[in-house]
Amino acid sequence: MKKKFEIDNSYHKAWRAIQKVVASIRGTSEENYQILPSYLHMMVAKNQGTYTSIKTDAQNRPVIAVDTTFLKSKYHGVLFVILSKDANNQIFPLCFGVADSENNEAYIWFFGEIRKSIQVRRELVFLPDRNQSIANGITKVFPEAHHGIYLYHIEKNLKQRHTKATVINLFQSIARSYKHEDLNQLMSQLKSINKKTDKYIMKEPPERWARSWFPRRRYDMLTTNMVESMNSDLLKGR
């Protein structure tokens, strides 16, 4: 693109453009899955002897985002929000809580109330920000759950360290890799380019931020878009 059209854009921007074009021609994955039952029905109806089967996951998506925002009323305080996504891939608030501040006691209380509501869920994943009190609360109340990290928080810290955009883009590719082999190859590339950034990133285990190393299903919930949308919606109410 740069040589032929003199357009300077990132790899991910070009990839998203390709995905939109493909979706406009073939339809999105979501649209195709929605018509899958009808397609299988027609196969059975028109092709005698055909056997089909669909098995769904009754657990839905046990991935929970934890958001905290400050209240601006007379008595201040903080608002805790637990979010997930529904079957239509839309934001679904699960729980709200109000506390005086972000501290261990407040989060242990909040997560305790959540556990009373949802009980123990198999393969449960929490995606909090990097507040230590949140991590302490989750560990105390949901010891069986896995803690993930949003890529945004690592990327933000990299920008604060004045990391070059090309290096940040490489990190994004590393985090989004589906295979260990691809991740290892990209990590070697990063290490050869910028050893300090490689060392900084690896302070957090890849099991918390890298898709290929994540021990449970994350359902492609890698960014903070869901949290940012909720914060924007709550802005006036706060």
C-alpha atoms as a PDB file:
ATOM      1  CA  MET A   1       0.000   0.000   0.000  1.00  0.00           C
ATOM      2  CA  LYS A   2       2.788   2.408   0.890  1.00  0.00           C
ATOM      3  CA  LYS A   3       4.774   1.772  -2.285  1.00  0.00           C
ATOM      4  CA  LYS A   4       1.859   1.553  -4.706  1.00  0.00           C
ATOM      5  CA  PHE A   5      -0.524   4.204  -3.360  1.00  0.00           C
ATOM      6  CA  GLU A   6       1.788   6.173  -1.027  1.00  0.00           C
ATOM      7  CA  ILE A   7      -0.531   5.485   1.892  1.00  0.00           C
ATOM      8  CA  ASP A   8       1.127   5.084   5.276  1.00  0.00           C
ATOM      9  CA  ASN A   9      -1.068   3.088   7.643  1.00  0.00           C
ATOM     10  CA  SER A  10      -0.568   0.407  10.269  1.00  0.00           C
ATOM     11  CA  TYR A  11      -0.835  -3.323   9.699  1.00  0.00           C
ATOM     12  CA  HIS A  12      -3.883  -3.592  11.969  1.00  0.00           C
ATOM     13  CA  LYS A  13      -5.704  -0.772  10.176  1.00  0.00           C
ATOM     14  CA  ALA A  14      -5.167  -2.504   6.838  1.00  0.00           C
ATOM     15  CA  TRP A  15      -6.275  -5.812   8.330  1.00  0.00           C
ATOM     16  CA  ARG A  16      -9.504  -4.270   9.660  1.00  0.00           C
ATOM     17  CA  ALA A  17     -10.209  -2.800   6.213  1.00  0.00           C
ATOM     18  CA  ILE A  18      -9.798  -6.238   4.621  1.00  0.00           C
ATOM     19  CA  GLN A  19     -12.110  -7.760   7.217  1.00  0.00           C
ATOM     20  CA  LYS A  20     -14.826  -5.194   6.441  1.00  0.00           C
ATOM     21  CA  VAL A  21     -14.604  -5.864   2.715  1.00  0.00           C
ATOM     22  CA  VAL A  22     -14.786  -9.636   3.237  1.00  0.00           C
ATOM     23  CA  ALA A  23     -17.757  -9.200   5.602  1.00  0.00           C
ATOM     24  CA  SER A  24     -19.613  -7.071   3.050  1.00  0.00           C
ATOM     25  CA  ILE A  25     -19.190  -9.848   0.466  1.00  0.00           C
ATOM     26  CA  ARG A  26     -19.608 -13.008   2.534  1.00  0.00           C
ATOM     27  CA  GLY A  27     -21.420 -11.685   5.590  1.00  0.00           C
ATOM     28  CA  THR A  28     -20.054 -11.552   9.121  1.00  0.00           C
ATOM     29  CA  SER A  29     -19.345 -14.601  11.255  1.00  0.00           C
ATOM     30  CA  GLU A  30     -22.202 -13.575  13.555  1.00  0.00           C
ATOM     31  CA  GLU A  31     -24.656 -13.412  10.646  1.00  0.00           C
ATOM     32  CA  ASN A  32     -23.513 -16.768   9.302  1.00  0.00           C
ATOM     33  CA  TYR A  33     -23.869 -18.497  12.658  1.00  0.00           C
ATOM     34  CA  GLN A  34     -27.391 -17.093  13.048  1.00  0.00           C
ATOM     35  CA  ILE A  35     -28.539 -18.817   9.865  1.00  0.00           C
ATOM     36  CA  LEU A  36     -26.697 -22.071  10.610  1.00  0.00           C
ATOM     37  CA  PRO A  37     -29.791 -23.838  12.093  1.00  0.00           C
ATOM     38  CA  SER A  38     -31.812 -22.934   8.974  1.00  0.00           C
ATOM     39  CA  TYR A  39     -29.006 -24.178   6.730  1.00  0.00           C
ATOM     40  CA  LEU A  40     -28.821 -27.511   8.531  1.00  0.00           C
ATOM     41  CA  HIS A  41     -32.614 -27.832   8.426  1.00  0.00           C
ATOM     42  CA  MET A  42     -32.585 -27.410   4.636  1.00  0.00           C
ATOM     43  CA  MET A  43     -29.781 -29.967   4.309  1.00  0.00           C
ATOM     44  CA  VAL A  44     -31.890 -32.563   6.117  1.00  0.00           C
ATOM     45  CA  ALA A  45     -35.029 -31.605   4.168  1.00  0.00           C
ATOM     46  CA  LYS A  46     -33.428 -31.678   0.720  1.00  0.00           C
ATOM     47  CA  ASN A  47     -30.764 -34.358   1.124  1.00  0.00           C
ATOM     48  CA  GLN A  48     -32.340 -37.508   2.519  1.00  0.00           C
ATOM     49  CA  GLY A  49     -30.204 -39.356   5.040  1.00  0.00           C
ATOM     50  CA  THR A  50     -28.209 -36.299   6.119  1.00  0.00           C
ATOM     51  CA  TYR A  51     -27.513 -36.108   9.867  1.00  0.00           C
ATOM     52  CA  THR A  52     -26.766 -32.778  11.554  1.00  0.00           C
ATOM     53  CA  SER A  53     -26.131 -31.725  15.149  1.00  0.00           C
ATOM     54  CA  ILE A  54     -25.618 -28.450  17.005  1.00  0.00           C
ATOM     55  CA  LYS A  55     -24.277 -28.338  20.536  1.00  0.00           C
ATOM     56  CA  THR A  56     -24.357 -25.032  22.417  1.00  0.00           C
ATOM     57  CA  ASP A  57     -22.529 -23.945  25.551  1.00  0.00           C
ATOM     58  CA  ALA A  58     -24.981 -23.457  28.410  1.00  0.00           C
ATOM     59  CA  GLN A  59     -22.352 -21.494  30.332  1.00  0.00           C
ATOM     60  CA  ASN A  60     -22.525 -18.677  27.764  1.00  0.00           C
ATOM     61  CA  ARG A  61     -19.409 -16.480  28.138  1.00  0.00           C
ATOM     62  CA  PRO A  62     -18.155 -16.557  31.742  1.00  0.00           C
ATOM     63  CA  VAL A  63     -15.878 -13.544  31.192  1.00  0.00           C
ATOM     64  CA  ILE A  64     -16.449 -10.565  33.477  1.00  0.00           C
ATOM     65  CA  ALA A  65     -14.994  -7.074  33.134  1.00  0.00           C
ATOM     66  CA  VAL A  66     -14.526  -5.053  36.313  1.00  0.00           C
ATOM     67  CA  ASP A  67     -14.843  -1.289  36.069  1.00  0.00           C
ATOM     68  CA  THR A  68     -14.540   1.418  38.701  1.00  0.00           C
ATOM     69  CA  THR A  69     -15.422   5.066  38.242  1.00  0.00           C
ATOM     70  CA  PHE A  70     -15.448   7.994  40.646  1.00  0.00           C
ATOM     71  CA  LEU A  71     -18.690   9.633  41.740  1.00  0.00           C
ATOM     72  CA  LYS A  72     -18.830  13.426  41.614  1.00  0.00           C
ATOM     73  CA  SER A  73     -21.740  13.999  43.980  1.00  0.00           C
ATOM     74  CA  LYS A  74     -21.611  15.713  47.372  1.00  0.00           C
ATOM     75  CA  TYR A  75     -20.275  12.647  49.182  1.00  0.00           C
ATOM     76  CA  HIS A  76     -18.032  11.400  46.366  1.00  0.00           C
ATOM     77  CA  GLY A  77     -17.162   7.706  46.607  1.00  0.00           C
ATOM     78  CA  VAL A  78     -16.709   5.168  43.815  1.00  0.00           C
ATOM     79  CA  LEU A  79     -19.066   3.169  41.624  1.00  0.00           C
ATOM     80  CA  PHE A  80     -18.203  -0.482  40.953  1.00  0.00           C
ATOM     81  CA  VAL A  81     -19.559  -2.020  37.752  1.00  0.00           C
ATOM     82  CA  ILE A  82     -19.432  -5.620  36.575  1.00  0.00           C
ATOM     83  CA  LEU A  83     -19.939  -6.099  32.834  1.00  0.00           C
ATOM     84  CA  SER A  84     -20.111  -8.870  30.294  1.00  0.00           C
ATOM     85  CA  LYS A  85     -21.542  -9.447  26.811  1.00  0.00           C
ATOM     86  CA  ASP A  86     -24.842 -11.072  25.929  1.00  0.00           C
ATOM     87  CA  ALA A  87     -25.590 -13.503  23.100  1.00  0.00           C
ATOM     88  CA  ASN A  88     -26.015 -10.564  20.716  1.00  0.00           C
ATOM     89  CA  ASN A  89     -22.509  -9.343  21.570  1.00  0.00           C
ATOM     90  CA  GLN A  90     -23.938  -6.308  23.358  1.00  0.00           C
ATOM     91  CA  ILE A  91     -22.761  -4.880  26.690  1.00  0.00           C
ATOM     92  CA  PHE A  92     -24.668  -6.395  29.602  1.00  0.00           C
ATOM     93  CA  PRO A  93     -24.245  -4.830  33.095  1.00  0.00           C
ATOM     94  CA  LEU A  94     -24.361  -7.575  35.717  1.00  0.00           C
ATOM     95  CA  CYS A  95     -23.922  -5.679  38.958  1.00  0.00           C
ATOM     96  CA  PHE A  96     -23.435  -2.197  40.417  1.00  0.00           C
ATOM     97  CA  GLY A  97     -21.985  -1.279  43.801  1.00  0.00           C
ATOM     98  CA  VAL A  98     -21.146   1.916  45.689  1.00  0.00           C
ATOM     99  CA  ALA A  99     -18.300   2.267  48.196  1.00  0.00           C
ATOM    100  CA  ASP A 100     -16.393   5.043  49.934  1.00  0.00           C
ATOM    101  CA  SER A 101     -13.124   4.305  48.123  1.00  0.00           C
ATOM    102  CA  GLU A 102     -11.087   1.653  46.332  1.00  0.00           C
ATOM    103  CA  ASN A 103      -9.698  -0.562  49.077  1.00  0.00           C
ATOM    104  CA  ASN A 104      -9.422  -4.242  49.972  1.00  0.00           C
ATOM    105  CA  GLU A 105     -12.410  -4.233  52.319  1.00  0.00           C
ATOM    106  CA  ALA A 106     -14.704  -2.600  49.746  1.00  0.00           C
ATOM    107  CA  TYR A 107     -13.769  -5.009  46.973  1.00  0.00           C
ATOM    108  CA  ILE A 108     -14.026  -8.092  49.185  1.00  0.00           C
ATOM    109  CA  TRP A 109     -17.558  -6.984  50.129  1.00  0.00           C
ATOM    110  CA  PHE A 110     -18.483  -6.274  46.501  1.00  0.00           C
ATOM    111  CA  PHE A 111     -17.156  -9.544  45.097  1.00  0.00           C
ATOM    112  CA  GLY A 112     -18.752 -11.392  48.014  1.00  0.00           C
ATOM    113  CA  GLU A 113     -22.158 -10.080  46.948  1.00  0.00           C
ATOM    114  CA  ILE A 114     -21.435 -11.076  43.355  1.00  0.00           C
ATOM    115  CA  ARG A 115     -20.564 -14.626  44.412  1.00  0.00           C
ATOM    116  CA  LYS A 116     -23.891 -14.866  46.260  1.00  0.00           C
ATOM    117  CA  SER A 117     -25.616 -13.958  43.004  1.00  0.00           C
ATOM    118  CA  ILE A 118     -23.766 -15.990  40.357  1.00  0.00           C
ATOM    119  CA  GLN A 119     -22.379 -18.743  42.612  1.00  0.00           C
ATOM    120  CA  VAL A 120     -19.380 -20.699  41.310  1.00  0.00           C
ATOM    121  CA  ARG A 121     -19.060 -20.658  37.521  1.00  0.00           C
ATOM    122  CA  ARG A 122     -16.844 -23.058  35.637  1.00  0.00           C
ATOM    123  CA  GLU A 123     -14.032 -21.425  33.646  1.00  0.00           C
ATOM    124  CA  LEU A 124     -14.755 -18.004  35.178  1.00  0.00           C
ATOM    125  CA  VAL A 125     -12.453 -15.194  34.012  1.00  0.00           C
ATOM    126  CA  PHE A 126     -12.132 -11.677  35.431  1.00  0.00           C
ATOM    127  CA  LEU A 127     -10.729  -8.777  33.416  1.00  0.00           C
ATOM    128  CA  PRO A 128      -9.949  -6.020  35.930  1.00  0.00           C
ATOM    129  CA  ASP A 129      -7.764  -2.964  35.627  1.00  0.00           C
ATOM    130  CA  ARG A 130      -4.409  -3.115  37.392  1.00  0.00           C
ATOM    131  CA  ASN A 131      -5.638  -1.860  40.767  1.00  0.00           C
ATOM    132  CA  GLN A 132      -4.121  -4.123  43.415  1.00  0.00           C
ATOM    133  CA  SER A 133      -7.216  -3.943  45.631  1.00  0.00           C
ATOM    134  CA  ILE A 134      -9.327  -5.426  42.825  1.00  0.00           C
ATOM    135  CA  ALA A 135      -6.858  -8.301  42.435  1.00  0.00           C
ATOM    136  CA  ASN A 136      -6.892  -8.883  46.198  1.00  0.00           C
ATOM    137  CA  GLY A 137     -10.692  -8.962  46.273  1.00  0.00           C
ATOM    138  CA  ILE A 138     -10.940 -11.429  43.390  1.00  0.00           C
ATOM    139  CA  THR A 139      -8.258 -13.702  44.874  1.00  0.00           C
ATOM    140  CA  LYS A 140      -9.998 -13.702  48.251  1.00  0.00           C
ATOM    141  CA  VAL A 141     -13.553 -14.333  47.035  1.00  0.00           C
ATOM    142  CA  PHE A 142     -13.010 -16.162  43.717  1.00  0.00           C
ATOM    143  CA  PRO A 143      -9.766 -18.135  44.222  1.00  0.00           C
ATOM    144  CA  GLU A 144     -10.730 -20.525  41.407  1.00  0.00           C
ATOM    145  CA  ALA A 145     -11.113 -17.729  38.819  1.00  0.00           C
ATOM    146  CA  HIS A 146      -8.419 -16.570  36.407  1.00  0.00           C
ATOM    147  CA  HIS A 147      -7.303 -12.931  36.175  1.00  0.00           C
ATOM    148  CA  GLY A 148      -6.663 -11.460  32.749  1.00  0.00           C
ATOM    149  CA  ILE A 149      -5.212  -8.089  31.757  1.00  0.00           C
ATOM    150  CA  TYR A 150      -6.558  -5.724  29.146  1.00  0.00           C
ATOM    151  CA  LEU A 151      -4.046  -4.936  26.435  1.00  0.00           C
ATOM    152  CA  TYR A 152      -4.943  -1.267  26.789  1.00  0.00           C
ATOM    153  CA  HIS A 153      -3.260  -1.003  30.179  1.00  0.00           C
ATOM    154  CA  ILE A 154       0.018  -2.442  28.911  1.00  0.00           C
ATOM    155  CA  GLU A 155      -0.120  -0.315  25.754  1.00  0.00           C
ATOM    156  CA  LYS A 156      -0.795   2.792  27.848  1.00  0.00           C
ATOM    157  CA  ASN A 157       2.259   2.103  29.981  1.00  0.00           C
ATOM    158  CA  LEU A 158       4.367   1.537  26.871  1.00  0.00           C
ATOM    159  CA  LYS A 159       3.308   4.925  25.510  1.00  0.00           C
ATOM    160  CA  GLN A 160       4.197   6.549  28.832  1.00  0.00           C
ATOM    161  CA  ARG A 161       7.637   4.993  28.464  1.00  0.00           C
ATOM    162  CA  HIS A 162       7.900   6.733  25.049  1.00  0.00           C
ATOM    163  CA  THR A 163       7.935   3.418  23.206  1.00  0.00           C
ATOM    164  CA  LYS A 164       7.907   3.707  19.416  1.00  0.00           C
ATOM    165  CA  ALA A 165       4.623   3.034  17.612  1.00  0.00           C
ATOM    166  CA  THR A 166       6.204   0.220  15.602  1.00  0.00           C
ATOM    167  CA  VAL A 167       7.158  -1.579  18.813  1.00  0.00           C
ATOM    168  CA  ILE A 168       3.655  -1.126  20.268  1.00  0.00           C
ATOM    169  CA  ASN A 169       2.158  -2.516  17.048  1.00  0.00           C
ATOM    170  CA  LEU A 170       4.464  -5.507  17.361  1.00  0.00           C
ATOM    171  CA  PHE A 171       3.268  -6.061  20.937  1.00  0.00           C
ATOM    172  CA  GLN A 172      -0.342  -5.998  19.706  1.00  0.00           C
ATOM    173  CA  SER A 173       0.486  -8.715  17.194  1.00  0.00           C
ATOM    174  CA  ILE A 174       2.175 -10.751  19.927  1.00  0.00           C
ATOM    175  CA  ALA A 175      -0.802 -10.468  22.267  1.00  0.00           C
ATOM    176  CA  ARG A 176      -3.312 -11.376  19.558  1.00  0.00           C
ATOM    177  CA  SER A 177      -1.417 -14.395  18.196  1.00  0.00           C
ATOM    178  CA  TYR A 178      -3.396 -17.638  18.226  1.00  0.00           C
ATOM    179  CA  LYS A 179      -0.404 -20.008  18.204  1.00  0.00           C
ATOM    180  CA  HIS A 180       2.553 -20.387  20.562  1.00  0.00           C
ATOM    181  CA  GLU A 181       4.866 -20.637  17.574  1.00  0.00           C
ATOM    182  CA  ASP A 182       3.740 -17.276  16.203  1.00  0.00           C
ATOM    183  CA  LEU A 183       4.046 -15.642  19.607  1.00  0.00           C
ATOM    184  CA  ASN A 184       7.563 -16.985  20.176  1.00  0.00           C
ATOM    185  CA  GLN A 185       8.671 -15.829  16.741  1.00  0.00           C
ATOM    186  CA  LEU A 186       7.304 -12.319  17.300  1.00  0.00           C
ATOM    187  CA  MET A 187       8.773 -12.187  20.823  1.00  0.00           C
ATOM    188  CA  SER A 188      12.203 -12.998  19.388  1.00  0.00           C
ATOM    189  CA  GLN A 189      11.721 -10.196  16.905  1.00  0.00           C
ATOM    190  CA  LEU A 190      10.761  -7.789  19.694  1.00  0.00           C
ATOM    191  CA  LYS A 191      13.754  -8.828  21.790  1.00  0.00           C
ATOM    192  CA  SER A 192      16.123  -8.136  18.906  1.00  0.00           C
ATOM    193  CA  ILE A 193      14.583  -4.688  18.371  1.00  0.00           C
ATOM    194  CA  ASN A 194      14.064  -3.496  21.936  1.00  0.00           C
ATOM    195  CA  LYS A 195      15.302  -5.612  24.855  1.00  0.00           C
ATOM    196  CA  LYS A 196      14.019  -3.146  27.477  1.00  0.00           C
ATOM    197  CA  THR A 197      10.453  -3.351  26.185  1.00  0.00           C
ATOM    198  CA  ASP A 198      10.663  -7.133  25.980  1.00  0.00           C
ATOM    199  CA  LYS A 199      11.825  -7.298  29.592  1.00  0.00           C
ATOM    200  CA  TYR A 200       9.111  -4.874  30.716  1.00  0.00           C
ATOM    201  CA  ILE A 201       6.305  -6.780  28.980  1.00  0.00           C
ATOM    202  CA  MET A 202       7.419 -10.110  30.431  1.00  0.00           C
ATOM    203  CA  LYS A 203       7.082  -8.756  33.972  1.00  0.00           C
ATOM    204  CA  GLU A 204       3.466  -9.851  33.567  1.00  0.00           C
ATOM    205  CA  PRO A 205       3.082 -13.566  32.735  1.00  0.00           C
ATOM    206  CA  PRO A 206       1.857 -14.129  29.148  1.00  0.00           C
ATOM    207  CA  GLU A 207      -0.921 -16.254  30.652  1.00  0.00           C
ATOM    208  CA  ARG A 208      -2.589 -12.989  31.689  1.00  0.00           C
ATOM    209  CA  TRP A 209      -2.442 -10.997  28.459  1.00  0.00           C
ATOM    210  CA  ALA A 210      -1.451 -13.204  25.490  1.00  0.00           C
ATOM    211  CA  ARG A 211      -4.312 -14.906  23.665  1.00  0.00           C
ATOM    212  CA  SER A 212      -2.304 -18.015  22.764  1.00  0.00           C
ATOM    213  CA  TRP A 213      -1.175 -18.541  26.376  1.00  0.00           C
ATOM    214  CA  PHE A 214      -4.459 -17.659  28.084  1.00  0.00           C
ATOM    215  CA  PRO A 215      -5.469 -20.808  30.032  1.00  0.00           C
ATOM    216  CA  ARG A 216      -9.205 -20.242  29.590  1.00  0.00           C
ATOM    217  CA  ARG A 217     -11.561 -18.927  26.955  1.00  0.00           C
ATOM    218  CA  ARG A 218     -11.458 -15.162  26.641  1.00  0.00           C
ATOM    219  CA  TYR A 219     -13.853 -14.934  23.680  1.00  0.00           C
ATOM    220  CA  ASP A 220     -11.781 -12.254  21.964  1.00  0.00           C
ATOM    221  CA  MET A 221     -12.440  -9.767  24.784  1.00  0.00           C
ATOM    222  CA  LEU A 222      -9.002  -8.160  24.617  1.00  0.00           C
ATOM    223  CA  THR A 223      -9.663  -4.414  24.617  1.00  0.00           C
ATOM    224  CA  THR A 224     -11.339  -1.965  26.994  1.00  0.00           C
ATOM    225  CA  ASN A 225     -14.029  -0.937  24.496  1.00  0.00           C
ATOM    226  CA  MET A 226     -16.775  -2.400  26.661  1.00  0.00           C
ATOM    227  CA  VAL A 227     -15.584  -0.577  29.782  1.00  0.00           C
ATOM    228  CA  GLU A 228     -15.044   2.707  27.946  1.00  0.00           C
ATOM    229  CA  SER A 229     -18.550   2.561  26.463  1.00  0.00           C
ATOM    230  CA  MET A 230     -20.080   2.039  29.890  1.00  0.00           C
ATOM    231  CA  ASN A 231     -18.043   4.901  31.373  1.00  0.00           C
ATOM    232  CA  SER A 232     -19.282   7.187  28.615  1.00  0.00           C
ATOM    233  CA  ASP A 233     -22.882   6.143  29.240  1.00  0.00           C
ATOM    234  CA  LEU A 234     -22.567   6.752  32.993  1.00  0.00           C
ATOM    235  CA  LEU A 235     -20.810  10.114  32.652  1.00  0.00           C
ATOM    236  CA  LYS A 236     -23.877  12.324  33.173  1.00  0.00           C
ATOM    237  CA  GLY A 237     -25.287  10.155  35.937  1.00  0.00           C
ATOM    238  CA  ARG A 238     -22.099  10.351  37.966  1.00  0.00           C
END
